[in-house]
Protein backbone atom coordinates (compact mmCIF):
# COMPACT_ATOMS: atom_id res chain seq x y z
CA SER A 1 218.43 7.42 162.75
CA ASN A 2 219.58 5.52 165.81
CA GLN A 3 218.82 8.43 168.10
CA GLN A 4 215.20 8.61 166.91
CA ILE A 5 214.71 4.89 167.54
CA LEU A 6 216.00 5.19 171.10
CA ILE A 7 213.81 8.22 171.71
CA ARG A 8 210.72 6.31 170.54
CA VAL A 9 211.55 3.33 172.77
CA LEU A 10 212.00 5.61 175.76
CA GLU A 11 208.77 7.49 175.01
CA ARG A 12 206.84 4.22 175.05
CA THR A 13 208.34 2.95 178.30
CA VAL A 14 208.76 6.08 180.42
CA GLU A 15 205.71 7.05 182.42
CA THR A 16 206.94 10.46 183.55
CA GLY A 17 209.65 12.68 182.14
CA ARG A 18 211.72 12.22 185.26
CA ASP A 19 212.39 8.48 185.11
CA TRP A 20 213.92 8.24 181.63
CA HIS A 21 217.39 7.60 183.09
CA GLU A 22 216.07 4.49 184.85
CA LYS A 23 214.82 3.04 181.55
CA MET A 24 217.82 3.97 179.38
CA HIS A 25 219.70 0.72 180.12
CA ASN A 26 216.74 -1.39 178.99
CA ALA A 27 216.17 0.72 175.88
CA LEU A 28 219.80 0.37 174.83
CA TRP A 29 219.74 -3.38 175.50
CA ALA A 30 216.61 -3.76 173.36
CA TYR A 31 218.20 -1.77 170.54
CA ARG A 32 221.43 -3.78 170.63
CA THR A 33 219.67 -7.15 170.63
CA THR A 34 217.05 -6.44 167.95
CA ILE A 35 217.74 -8.05 164.57
CA ARG A 36 218.10 -5.59 161.70
CA THR A 37 216.33 -6.59 158.50
CA PRO A 38 218.96 -5.51 155.91
CA THR A 39 221.76 -7.47 157.61
CA ASN A 40 219.62 -10.13 159.34
CA ALA A 41 221.86 -9.71 162.38
CA THR A 42 222.01 -7.73 165.59
CA PRO A 43 224.56 -4.93 165.97
CA ALA A 44 226.36 -7.09 168.55
CA GLU A 45 226.65 -9.96 166.05
CA LEU A 46 228.16 -7.60 163.49
CA VAL A 47 230.76 -6.33 165.96
CA TYR A 48 231.63 -9.50 167.87
CA GLY A 49 230.76 -12.16 165.30
CA THR A 50 228.47 -14.00 167.70
CA GLU A 51 225.31 -13.42 169.66
CA ILE A 52 225.93 -12.16 173.18
């Protein structure tokens, strides 16, 4: 699920449990701009019709 993907990204980038909120913006950006294999598009492309 989407939540599990974000949790894994945060686990890999957060050094201590206290700085997760500082990394959340980057984790969400990475998730939104990563191409999905089944659709061959990013979530932003599906919503807006163009790469942002």
